PDB file of N, CA and C in Angstrom:
ATOM      1  N   MET A   1     256.164  71.433  54.772  1.00  0.00           N
ATOM      2  CA  MET A   1     255.361  72.221  55.989  1.00  0.00           C
ATOM      3  C   MET A   1     254.939  70.912  57.038  1.00  0.00           C
ATOM      4  N   GLU A   2     254.967  70.797  58.330  1.00  0.00           N
ATOM      5  CA  GLU A   2     254.594  70.241  58.802  1.00  0.00           C
ATOM      6  C   GLU A   2     252.934  70.991  59.518  1.00  0.00           C
ATOM      7  N   GLN A   3     252.174  69.949  59.720  1.00  0.00           N
ATOM      8  CA  GLN A   3     250.683  70.509  60.532  1.00  0.00           C
ATOM      9  C   GLN A   3     250.291  69.467  61.347  1.00  0.00           C
ATOM     10  N   VAL A   4     250.031  70.031  62.480  1.00  0.00           N
ATOM     11  CA  VAL A   4     249.062  69.184  63.298  1.00  0.00           C
ATOM     12  C   VAL A   4     248.073  69.881  63.848  1.00  0.00           C
ATOM     13  N   THR A   5     246.693  69.232  63.889  1.00  0.00           N
ATOM     14  CA  THR A   5     245.247  69.667  64.298  1.00  0.00           C
ATOM     15  C   THR A   5     245.081  68.737  65.401  1.00  0.00           C
ATOM     16  N   PRO A   6     245.211  69.138  67.013  1.00  0.00           N
ATOM     17  CA  PRO A   6     244.840  68.574  67.974  1.00  0.00           C
ATOM     18  C   PRO A   6     243.401  68.633  67.994  1.00  0.00           C
ATOM     19  N   SER A   7     242.515  67.506  68.537  1.00  0.00           N
ATOM     20  CA  SER A   7     241.147  67.130  68.792  1.00  0.00           C
ATOM     21  C   SER A   7     241.227  67.387  70.290  1.00  0.00           C
ATOM     22  N   LEU A   8     240.650  68.437  71.009  1.00  0.00           N
ATOM     23  CA  LEU A   8     240.568  68.818  72.664  1.00  0.00           C
ATOM     24  C   LEU A   8     239.288  68.954  72.548  1.00  0.00           C
ATOM     25  N   GLU A   9     238.724  68.515  73.355  1.00  0.00           N
ATOM     26  CA  GLU A   9     237.237  68.372  73.816  1.00  0.00           C
ATOM     27  C   GLU A   9     237.053  70.054  74.454  1.00  0.00           C
ATOM     28  N   PHE A  10     238.106  70.524  75.282  1.00  0.00           N
ATOM     29  CA  PHE A  10     237.647  71.600  75.833  1.00  0.00           C
ATOM     30  C   PHE A  10     238.183  73.096  75.170  1.00  0.00           C
ATOM     31  N   ALA A  11     238.712  72.893  74.109  1.00  0.00           N
ATOM     32  CA  ALA A  11     239.169  73.893  73.175  1.00  0.00           C
ATOM     33  C   ALA A  11     238.458  73.899  71.956  1.00  0.00           C
ATOM     34  N   PRO A  12     238.450  74.863  71.178  1.00  0.00           N
ATOM     35  CA  PRO A  12     237.984  74.769  69.948  1.00  0.00           C
ATOM     36  C   PRO A  12     239.302  74.212  69.144  1.00  0.00           C
ATOM     37  N   GLU A  13     238.721  73.843  67.986  1.00  0.00           N
ATOM     38  CA  GLU A  13     239.398  73.339  67.224  1.00  0.00           C
ATOM     39  C   GLU A  13     240.278  74.193  66.088  1.00  0.00           C
ATOM     40  N   ARG A  14     241.775  74.016  66.311  1.00  0.00           N
ATOM     41  CA  ARG A  14     243.025  74.891  65.976  1.00  0.00           C
ATOM     42  C   ARG A  14     244.065  73.938  65.121  1.00  0.00           C
ATOM     43  N   SER A  15     244.473  74.362  64.127  1.00  0.00           N
ATOM     44  CA  SER A  15     245.731  73.446  63.331  1.00  0.00           C
ATOM     45  C   SER A  15     246.713  74.240  63.609  1.00  0.00           C
ATOM     46  N   TYR A  16     247.984  73.656  63.599  1.00  0.00           N
ATOM     47  CA  TYR A  16     249.154  74.395  63.387  1.00  0.00           C
ATOM     48  C   TYR A  16     250.102  74.006  62.645  1.00  0.00           C
ATOM     49  N   LYS A  17     250.526  75.120  61.853  1.00  0.00           N
ATOM     50  CA  LYS A  17     251.397  74.887  60.776  1.00  0.00           C
ATOM     51  C   LYS A  17     253.116  75.136  61.299  1.00  0.00           C
ATOM     52  N   ARG A  18     254.012  74.519  60.900  1.00  0.00           N
ATOM     53  CA  ARG A  18     255.293  74.846  60.725  1.00  0.00           C
ATOM     54  C   ARG A  18     256.066  74.829  59.433  1.00  0.00           C
ATOM     55  N   LYS A  19     256.630  75.924  59.097  1.00  0.00           N
ATOM     56  CA  LYS A  19     257.811  76.189  58.189  1.00  0.00           C
ATOM     57  C   LYS A  19     259.116  76.650  58.864  1.00  0.00           C
ATOM     58  N   GLY A  20     260.124  76.251  58.854  1.00  0.00           N
ATOM     59  CA  GLY A  20     261.275  76.388  59.523  1.00  0.00           C
ATOM     60  C   GLY A  20     261.299  76.796  61.088  1.00  0.00           C
ATOM     61  N   LEU A  21     261.520  77.930  61.037  1.00  0.00           N
ATOM     62  CA  LEU A  21     261.286  78.276  62.678  1.00  0.00           C
ATOM     63  C   LEU A  21     260.374  79.141  63.107  1.00  0.00           C
ATOM     64  N   LYS A  22     258.933  79.075  62.061  1.00  0.00           N
ATOM     65  CA  LYS A  22     258.024  79.775  62.417  1.00  0.00           C
ATOM     66  C   LYS A  22     256.722  78.626  62.507  1.00  0.00           C
ATOM     67  N   ILE A  23     256.110  78.854  63.434  1.00  0.00           N
ATOM     68  CA  ILE A  23     254.700  77.878  63.857  1.00  0.00           C
ATOM     69  C   ILE A  23     253.465  79.000  63.950  1.00  0.00           C
ATOM     70  N   LYS A  24     253.059  78.546  63.234  1.00  0.00           N
ATOM     71  CA  LYS A  24     251.118  79.435  62.741  1.00  0.00           C
ATOM     72  C   LYS A  24     250.213  78.675  63.566  1.00  0.00           C
ATOM     73  N   CYS A  25     249.470  79.201  64.338  1.00  0.00           N
ATOM     74  CA  CYS A  25     248.098  78.817  64.559  1.00  0.00           C
ATOM     75  C   CYS A  25     246.859  79.168  63.860  1.00  0.00           C
ATOM     76  N   PHE A  26     245.976  78.273  63.441  1.00  0.00           N
ATOM     77  CA  PHE A  26     244.847  78.493  62.430  1.00  0.00           C
ATOM     78  C   PHE A  26     243.504  77.935  63.158  1.00  0.00           C
ATOM     79  N   ASN A  27     242.430  78.992  63.175  1.00  0.00           N
ATOM     80  CA  ASN A  27     241.188  78.057  63.570  1.00  0.00           C
ATOM     81  C   ASN A  27     240.781  77.261  62.418  1.00  0.00           C
ATOM     82  N   VAL A  28     239.929  76.064  62.934  1.00  0.00           N
ATOM     83  CA  VAL A  28     239.386  75.127  61.845  1.00  0.00           C
ATOM     84  C   VAL A  28     238.332  75.356  61.534  1.00  0.00           C
ATOM     85  N   LEU A  29     237.645  76.015  60.360  1.00  0.00           N
ATOM     86  CA  LEU A  29     236.604  76.289  59.795  1.00  0.00           C
ATOM     87  C   LEU A  29     235.544  75.151  59.648  1.00  0.00           C
ATOM     88  N   LYS A  30     236.268  74.331  58.894  1.00  0.00           N
ATOM     89  CA  LYS A  30     235.559  72.806  58.466  1.00  0.00           C
ATOM     90  C   LYS A  30     236.326  71.735  58.805  1.00  0.00           C
ATOM     91  N   ASN A  31     235.630  70.893  58.996  1.00  0.00           N
ATOM     92  CA  ASN A  31     236.596  69.384  59.049  1.00  0.00           C
ATOM     93  C   ASN A  31     235.661  68.625  58.242  1.00  0.00           C
ATOM     94  N   ASP A  32     236.383  67.940  57.283  1.00  0.00           N
ATOM     95  CA  ASP A  32     235.781  67.091  56.194  1.00  0.00           C
ATOM     96  C   ASP A  32     236.317  65.329  56.450  1.00  0.00           C
ATOM     97  N   GLY A  33     237.035  65.340  57.114  1.00  0.00           N
ATOM     98  CA  GLY A  33     237.814  64.307  57.375  1.00  0.00           C
ATOM     99  C   GLY A  33     238.621  63.882  58.590  1.00  0.00           C
ATOM    100  N   HIS A  34     239.475  63.283  58.321  1.00  0.00           N
ATOM    101  CA  HIS A  34     240.414  62.888  59.745  1.00  0.00           C
ATOM    102  C   HIS A  34     241.932  63.453  59.273  1.00  0.00           C
ATOM    103  N   HIS A  35     242.343  63.694  57.911  1.00  0.00           N
ATOM    104  CA  HIS A  35     243.501  64.400  57.329  1.00  0.00           C
ATOM    105  C   HIS A  35     243.430  65.968  57.173  1.00  0.00           C
ATOM    106  N   HIS A  36     244.781  66.520  57.558  1.00  0.00           N
ATOM    107  CA  HIS A  36     244.583  67.981  57.474  1.00  0.00           C
ATOM    108  C   HIS A  36     244.661  68.211  55.687  1.00  0.00           C
ATOM    109  N   GLU A  37     244.385  67.603  54.733  1.00  0.00           N
ATOM    110  CA  GLU A  37     243.784  67.648  53.522  1.00  0.00           C
ATOM    111  C   GLU A  37     242.760  68.061  53.511  1.00  0.00           C
ATOM    112  N   ASP A  38     241.698  67.504  54.977  1.00  0.00           N
ATOM    113  CA  ASP A  38     240.398  67.521  54.793  1.00  0.00           C
ATOM    114  C   ASP A  38     239.539  68.808  55.437  1.00  0.00           C
ATOM    115  N   LEU A  39     240.750  69.714  55.767  1.00  0.00           N
ATOM    116  CA  LEU A  39     240.361  70.988  56.685  1.00  0.00           C
ATOM    117  C   LEU A  39     240.188  72.370  55.726  1.00  0.00           C
ATOM    118  N   THR A  40     239.202  72.978  56.688  1.00  0.00           N
ATOM    119  CA  THR A  40     239.490  74.335  55.577  1.00  0.00           C
ATOM    120  C   THR A  40     239.713  74.978  57.014  1.00  0.00           C
ATOM    121  N   LEU A  41     240.616  76.211  56.969  1.00  0.00           N
ATOM    122  CA  LEU A  41     241.465  77.110  57.766  1.00  0.00           C
ATOM    123  C   LEU A  41     241.155  78.144  57.547  1.00  0.00           C
ATOM    124  N   SER A  42     241.099  79.258  58.961  1.00  0.00           N
ATOM    125  CA  SER A  42     240.916  80.708  58.713  1.00  0.00           C
ATOM    126  C   SER A  42     242.525  81.178  57.729  1.00  0.00           C
ATOM    127  N   GLU A  43     241.747  82.009  57.021  1.00  0.00           N
ATOM    128  CA  GLU A  43     243.382  82.508  56.080  1.00  0.00           C
ATOM    129  C   GLU A  43     244.082  83.017  56.969  1.00  0.00           C
ATOM    130  N   LEU A  44     243.886  83.827  58.304  1.00  0.00           N
ATOM    131  CA  LEU A  44     244.703  84.433  58.785  1.00  0.00           C
ATOM    132  C   LEU A  44     245.105  83.453  59.905  1.00  0.00           C
ATOM    133  N   PRO A  45     246.572  83.413  60.397  1.00  0.00           N
ATOM    134  CA  PRO A  45     246.726  82.816  61.790  1.00  0.00           C
ATOM    135  C   PRO A  45     246.381  83.858  63.020  1.00  0.00           C
ATOM    136  N   LEU A  46     246.065  82.866  64.036  1.00  0.00           N
ATOM    137  CA  LEU A  46     245.377  83.302  65.221  1.00  0.00           C
ATOM    138  C   LEU A  46     246.517  84.216  65.820  1.00  0.00           C
ATOM    139  N   PHE A  47     247.954  83.234  65.582  1.00  0.00           N
ATOM    140  CA  PHE A  47     248.939  84.008  66.365  1.00  0.00           C
ATOM    141  C   PHE A  47     250.291  83.050  65.654  1.00  0.00           C
ATOM    142  N   GLU A  48     251.310  83.482  65.311  1.00  0.00           N
ATOM    143  CA  GLU A  48     252.825  82.871  65.226  1.00  0.00           C
ATOM    144  C   GLU A  48     253.517  82.994  66.213  1.00  0.00           C
ATOM    145  N   ILE A  49     254.465  81.769  66.151  1.00  0.00           N
ATOM    146  CA  ILE A  49     255.404  81.604  66.877  1.00  0.00           C
ATOM    147  C   ILE A  49     256.787  81.484  66.553  1.00  0.00           C
ATOM    148  N   ASP A  50     257.691  82.440  66.823  1.00  0.00           N
ATOM    149  CA  ASP A  50     259.265  82.206  65.991  1.00  0.00           C
ATOM    150  C   ASP A  50     260.004  81.611  67.379  1.00  0.00           C
ATOM    151  N   VAL A  51     260.520  80.433  66.946  1.00  0.00           N
ATOM    152  CA  VAL A  51     261.244  79.674  67.874  1.00  0.00           C
ATOM    153  C   VAL A  51     262.509  79.969  67.387  1.00  0.00           C
ATOM    154  N   LEU A  52     263.371  79.741  68.583  1.00  0.00           N
ATOM    155  CA  LEU A  52     265.026  80.306  68.355  1.00  0.00           C
ATOM    156  C   LEU A  52     265.564  78.986  67.572  1.00  0.00           C
ATOM    157  N   THR A  53     265.436  77.899  67.441  1.00  0.00           N
ATOM    158  CA  THR A  53     266.460  76.907  67.062  1.00  0.00           C
ATOM    159  C   THR A  53     265.266  75.765  66.301  1.00  0.00           C
ATOM    160  N   GLU A  54     265.679  75.426  65.347  1.00  0.00           N
ATOM    161  CA  GLU A  54     264.384  74.239  64.317  1.00  0.00           C
ATOM    162  C   GLU A  54     264.319  72.796  65.446  1.00  0.00           C
ATOM    163  N   LYS A  55     265.422  72.584  65.723  1.00  0.00           N
ATOM    164  CA  LYS A  55     265.206  71.417  67.165  1.00  0.00           C
ATOM    165  C   LYS A  55     263.928  71.579  67.900  1.00  0.00           C
ATOM    166  N   ALA A  56     263.907  72.983  68.563  1.00  0.00           N
ATOM    167  CA  ALA A  56     262.800  73.246  69.453  1.00  0.00           C
ATOM    168  C   ALA A  56     261.487  73.309  68.989  1.00  0.00           C
ATOM    169  N   ALA A  57     261.717  73.847  67.458  1.00  0.00           N
ATOM    170  CA  ALA A  57     260.438  73.725  66.791  1.00  0.00           C
ATOM    171  C   ALA A  57     259.793  72.475  66.260  1.00  0.00           C
ATOM    172  N   VAL A  58     260.651  71.556  66.038  1.00  0.00           N
ATOM    173  CA  VAL A  58     260.231  70.214  65.756  1.00  0.00           C
ATOM    174  C   VAL A  58     259.778  69.664  66.990  1.00  0.00           C
ATOM    175  N   MET A  59     260.557  69.666  68.134  1.00  0.00           N
ATOM    176  CA  MET A  59     260.286  69.362  69.664  1.00  0.00           C
ATOM    177  C   MET A  59     258.522  69.635  69.683  1.00  0.00           C
ATOM    178  N   LEU A  60     258.248  71.047  69.938  1.00  0.00           N
ATOM    179  CA  LEU A  60     257.127  71.795  70.104  1.00  0.00           C
ATOM    180  C   LEU A  60     255.579  71.101  69.105  1.00  0.00           C
ATOM    181  N   MET A  61     256.299  70.963  67.726  1.00  0.00           N
ATOM    182  CA  MET A  61     255.169  70.279  66.991  1.00  0.00           C
ATOM    183  C   MET A  61     255.010  69.006  67.479  1.00  0.00           C
ATOM    184  N   GLU A  62     256.027  67.931  67.751  1.00  0.00           N
ATOM    185  CA  GLU A  62     255.864  66.852  68.538  1.00  0.00           C
ATOM    186  C   GLU A  62     255.021  66.981  69.599  1.00  0.00           C
ATOM    187  N   ASP A  63     255.312  67.932  70.551  1.00  0.00           N
ATOM    188  CA  ASP A  63     254.398  67.725  71.941  1.00  0.00           C
ATOM    189  C   ASP A  63     253.226  68.114  71.291  1.00  0.00           C
ATOM    190  N   LEU A  64     252.554  68.971  70.363  1.00  0.00           N
ATOM    191  CA  LEU A  64     251.074  69.369  69.873  1.00  0.00           C
ATOM    192  C   LEU A  64     250.518  67.935  69.242  1.00  0.00           C
ATOM    193  N   TYR A  65     251.625  67.081  68.250  1.00  0.00           N
ATOM    194  CA  TYR A  65     251.031  65.986  68.076  1.00  0.00           C
ATOM    195  C   TYR A  65     250.724  64.800  69.134  1.00  0.00           C
ATOM    196  N   TYR A  66     251.313  64.705  70.009  1.00  0.00           N
ATOM    197  CA  TYR A  66     251.318  63.857  71.086  1.00  0.00           C
ATOM    198  C   TYR A  66     249.887  64.287  71.904  1.00  0.00           C
ATOM    199  N   GLY A  67     249.782  65.379  71.832  1.00  0.00           N
ATOM    200  CA  GLY A  67     248.443  66.183  72.694  1.00  0.00           C
ATOM    201  C   GLY A  67     247.076  65.579  71.803  1.00  0.00           C
ATOM    202  N   GLU A  68     247.310  65.558  70.357  1.00  0.00           N
ATOM    203  CA  GLU A  68     246.461  65.301  69.665  1.00  0.00           C
ATOM    204  C   GLU A  68     245.697  63.951  69.797  1.00  0.00           C
ATOM    205  N   TYR A  69     246.427  63.140  70.229  1.00  0.00           N
ATOM    206  CA  TYR A  69     245.789  61.802  70.594  1.00  0.00           C
ATOM    207  C   TYR A  69     245.699  61.355  72.128  1.00  0.00           C
ATOM    208  N   THR A  70     246.559  62.140  72.881  1.00  0.00           N
ATOM    209  CA  THR A  70     245.920  62.276  74.422  1.00  0.00           C
ATOM    210  C   THR A  70     245.288  63.167  74.767  1.00  0.00           C
ATOM    211  N   GLY A  71     244.877  63.877  74.315  1.00  0.00           N
ATOM    212  CA  GLY A  71     244.193  65.311  75.021  1.00  0.00           C
ATOM    213  C   GLY A  71     244.921  65.708  75.919  1.00  0.00           C
ATOM    214  N   ALA A  72     246.103  65.922  76.151  1.00  0.00           N
ATOM    215  CA  ALA A  72     246.981  66.563  77.029  1.00  0.00           C
ATOM    216  C   ALA A  72     247.561  67.524  76.517  1.00  0.00           C
TER     217      ALA A  72
END
């Protein structure tokens, strides 16, 4: 499962997980470090997105990953 946690100043911390065609967004409750293994996430997702193709799902996760470093 892929996971991305953007660090945006103007938005609460969220973490995104992708499994197959489904992307789930979770609130980050606690961050003990810089790796997704150090995060405590909400039990239930804030929302889920069903993407039509795996290529599109991977592309969206890459965009979220890019935003993690650029704040865009």
